[in-house]
Amino acid sequence: MSPDALFDEIASDLAARGATAGAMFGKRALKAHGKAFACLKGDALAFRLGNASTAHAQALALTGAELFDPSGKKRPFKDWVAVPVTHADHWLRLAEIALNSTTS
């Protein structure tokens, strides 16, 4: 399944919890209450997990995961982790964690 199709599936799964699809930096994003919590960039989905959280550390430990740098100018967002599509089986769980931290 393509990253876009996976994104659509996650958006649909989280819609009942108040998540909406939108844009962030010209890229597809998931938002709740006007705040983005996930953003698709290429073949990776980035999640705002909180720099000091266990979920952040676990996501960053996945092979190929890195801090999210939306501009590509080596200025990553410390609270965000971009997880490659090779770990798409983690995307829904990470999106749920990111949504929970956005709405709490």
C-alpha atoms as a PDB file:
ATOM      1  CA  MET A   1       0.000   0.000   0.000  1.00  0.00           C
ATOM      2  CA  SER A   2       1.320   3.474  -0.841  1.00  0.00           C
ATOM      3  CA  PRO A   3       2.135   6.051   1.871  1.00  0.00           C
ATOM      4  CA  ASP A   4      -0.780   8.183   0.619  1.00  0.00           C
ATOM      5  CA  ALA A   5      -3.212   5.279   0.890  1.00  0.00           C
ATOM      6  CA  LEU A   6      -1.928   4.452   4.383  1.00  0.00           C
ATOM      7  CA  PHE A   7      -2.329   8.114   5.366  1.00  0.00           C
ATOM      8  CA  ASP A   8      -5.932   8.068   4.107  1.00  0.00           C
ATOM      9  CA  GLU A   9      -6.632   4.910   6.084  1.00  0.00           C
ATOM     10  CA  ILE A  10      -5.244   6.428   9.298  1.00  0.00           C
ATOM     11  CA  ALA A  11      -7.194   9.649   8.701  1.00  0.00           C
ATOM     12  CA  SER A  12     -10.368   7.620   8.322  1.00  0.00           C
ATOM     13  CA  ASP A  13      -9.637   5.556  11.447  1.00  0.00           C
ATOM     14  CA  LEU A  14      -9.038   8.670  13.570  1.00  0.00           C
ATOM     15  CA  ALA A  15     -11.852  10.835  12.185  1.00  0.00           C
ATOM     16  CA  ALA A  16     -14.281   9.685  14.881  1.00  0.00           C
ATOM     17  CA  ARG A  17     -11.844  11.009  17.474  1.00  0.00           C
ATOM     18  CA  GLY A  18     -11.768  14.491  15.946  1.00  0.00           C
ATOM     19  CA  ALA A  19      -8.833  14.167  13.551  1.00  0.00           C
ATOM     20  CA  THR A  20      -9.107  15.929  10.215  1.00  0.00           C
ATOM     21  CA  ALA A  21      -6.901  15.878   7.143  1.00  0.00           C
ATOM     22  CA  GLY A  22      -5.286  19.162   6.207  1.00  0.00           C
ATOM     23  CA  ALA A  23      -1.924  20.607   5.254  1.00  0.00           C
ATOM     24  CA  MET A  24       1.269  21.613   7.020  1.00  0.00           C
ATOM     25  CA  PHE A  25       4.167  23.143   5.111  1.00  0.00           C
ATOM     26  CA  GLY A  26       2.398  22.177   1.895  1.00  0.00           C
ATOM     27  CA  LYS A  27       2.309  18.524   2.878  1.00  0.00           C
ATOM     28  CA  ARG A  28      -0.588  16.305   3.890  1.00  0.00           C
ATOM     29  CA  ALA A  29      -1.179  16.436   7.627  1.00  0.00           C
ATOM     30  CA  LEU A  30      -3.525  15.224  10.325  1.00  0.00           C
ATOM     31  CA  LYS A  31      -4.847  17.817  12.736  1.00  0.00           C
ATOM     32  CA  ALA A  32      -6.980  18.016  15.846  1.00  0.00           C
ATOM     33  CA  HIS A  33      -8.281  21.267  17.328  1.00  0.00           C
ATOM     34  CA  GLY A  34      -6.256  23.211  14.753  1.00  0.00           C
ATOM     35  CA  LYS A  35      -2.945  21.577  15.724  1.00  0.00           C
ATOM     36  CA  ALA A  36      -1.043  19.199  13.468  1.00  0.00           C
ATOM     37  CA  PHE A  37       0.022  15.909  15.011  1.00  0.00           C
ATOM     38  CA  ALA A  38       1.153  13.949  11.929  1.00  0.00           C
ATOM     39  CA  CYS A  39       2.606  15.003   8.582  1.00  0.00           C
ATOM     40  CA  LEU A  40       3.370  12.972   5.456  1.00  0.00           C
ATOM     41  CA  LYS A  41       6.648  13.826   3.744  1.00  0.00           C
ATOM     42  CA  GLY A  42       7.662  11.545   0.927  1.00  0.00           C
ATOM     43  CA  ASP A  43       7.647   7.952   2.147  1.00  0.00           C
ATOM     44  CA  ALA A  44       7.675   8.864   5.847  1.00  0.00           C
ATOM     45  CA  LEU A  45       4.947   9.885   8.243  1.00  0.00           C
ATOM     46  CA  ALA A  46       6.107  12.216  10.999  1.00  0.00           C
ATOM     47  CA  PHE A  47       4.462  12.308  14.412  1.00  0.00           C
ATOM     48  CA  ARG A  48       4.545  14.950  17.148  1.00  0.00           C
ATOM     49  CA  LEU A  49       5.330  12.707  20.105  1.00  0.00           C
ATOM     50  CA  GLY A  50       7.102  15.031  22.537  1.00  0.00           C
ATOM     51  CA  ASN A  51      10.872  15.082  22.783  1.00  0.00           C
ATOM     52  CA  ALA A  52      11.079  13.466  26.250  1.00  0.00           C
ATOM     53  CA  SER A  53       8.390  10.822  25.782  1.00  0.00           C
ATOM     54  CA  THR A  54       8.884   7.077  25.678  1.00  0.00           C
ATOM     55  CA  ALA A  55       6.994   6.936  22.359  1.00  0.00           C
ATOM     56  CA  HIS A  56       9.435   9.477  20.868  1.00  0.00           C
ATOM     57  CA  ALA A  57      12.435   7.375  21.925  1.00  0.00           C
ATOM     58  CA  GLN A  58      10.851   4.160  20.637  1.00  0.00           C
ATOM     59  CA  ALA A  59       9.934   5.722  17.288  1.00  0.00           C
ATOM     60  CA  LEU A  60      13.397   7.225  16.878  1.00  0.00           C
ATOM     61  CA  ALA A  61      14.934   3.784  17.532  1.00  0.00           C
ATOM     62  CA  LEU A  62      13.223   2.331  14.436  1.00  0.00           C
ATOM     63  CA  THR A  63      15.635   1.785  11.542  1.00  0.00           C
ATOM     64  CA  GLY A  64      15.541   4.789   9.217  1.00  0.00           C
ATOM     65  CA  ALA A  65      13.528   6.982  11.592  1.00  0.00           C
ATOM     66  CA  GLU A  66      14.833  10.479  12.236  1.00  0.00           C
ATOM     67  CA  LEU A  67      13.822  13.813  13.647  1.00  0.00           C
ATOM     68  CA  PHE A  68      11.380  15.493  11.262  1.00  0.00           C
ATOM     69  CA  ASP A  69      12.999  18.218   9.162  1.00  0.00           C
ATOM     70  CA  PRO A  70      10.167  19.628   7.024  1.00  0.00           C
ATOM     71  CA  SER A  71      12.354  22.246   5.340  1.00  0.00           C
ATOM     72  CA  GLY A  72      15.226  19.865   4.604  1.00  0.00           C
ATOM     73  CA  LYS A  73      17.646  22.538   5.875  1.00  0.00           C
ATOM     74  CA  LYS A  74      18.945  20.598   8.881  1.00  0.00           C
ATOM     75  CA  ARG A  75      16.555  22.310  11.299  1.00  0.00           C
ATOM     76  CA  PRO A  76      14.558  19.381  12.643  1.00  0.00           C
ATOM     77  CA  PHE A  77      11.605  19.654  14.990  1.00  0.00           C
ATOM     78  CA  LYS A  78      12.753  18.025  18.226  1.00  0.00           C
ATOM     79  CA  ASP A  79       9.243  16.880  19.220  1.00  0.00           C
ATOM     80  CA  TRP A  80       8.608  15.146  15.884  1.00  0.00           C
ATOM     81  CA  VAL A  81       9.857  11.808  14.539  1.00  0.00           C
ATOM     82  CA  ALA A  82       9.603  10.841  10.861  1.00  0.00           C
ATOM     83  CA  VAL A  83       9.021   7.090  10.512  1.00  0.00           C
ATOM     84  CA  PRO A  84       9.634   5.533   7.087  1.00  0.00           C
ATOM     85  CA  VAL A  85       6.993   3.476   5.308  1.00  0.00           C
ATOM     86  CA  THR A  86       9.049   0.352   6.012  1.00  0.00           C
ATOM     87  CA  HIS A  87       7.636   0.667   9.551  1.00  0.00           C
ATOM     88  CA  ALA A  88       4.075   1.490   8.464  1.00  0.00           C
ATOM     89  CA  ASP A  89       2.812  -1.175  10.851  1.00  0.00           C
ATOM     90  CA  HIS A  90       3.637   1.337  13.645  1.00  0.00           C
ATOM     91  CA  TRP A  91       1.979   4.357  12.005  1.00  0.00           C
ATOM     92  CA  LEU A  92      -1.549   3.989  13.396  1.00  0.00           C
ATOM     93  CA  ARG A  93      -0.313   3.425  16.957  1.00  0.00           C
ATOM     94  CA  LEU A  94       2.024   6.431  16.738  1.00  0.00           C
ATOM     95  CA  ALA A  95      -0.728   8.574  15.226  1.00  0.00           C
ATOM     96  CA  GLU A  96      -3.018   7.626  18.118  1.00  0.00           C
ATOM     97  CA  ILE A  97      -0.333   8.582  20.649  1.00  0.00           C
ATOM     98  CA  ALA A  98       0.304  11.883  18.860  1.00  0.00           C
ATOM     99  CA  LEU A  99      -3.446  12.603  18.693  1.00  0.00           C
ATOM    100  CA  ASN A 100      -3.822  11.848  22.401  1.00  0.00           C
ATOM    101  CA  SER A 101      -1.033  14.259  23.291  1.00  0.00           C
ATOM    102  CA  THR A 102      -2.632  16.938  21.104  1.00  0.00           C
ATOM    103  CA  THR A 103      -6.052  16.624  22.687  1.00  0.00           C
ATOM    104  CA  SER A 104      -4.979  16.297  26.321  1.00  0.00           C
END
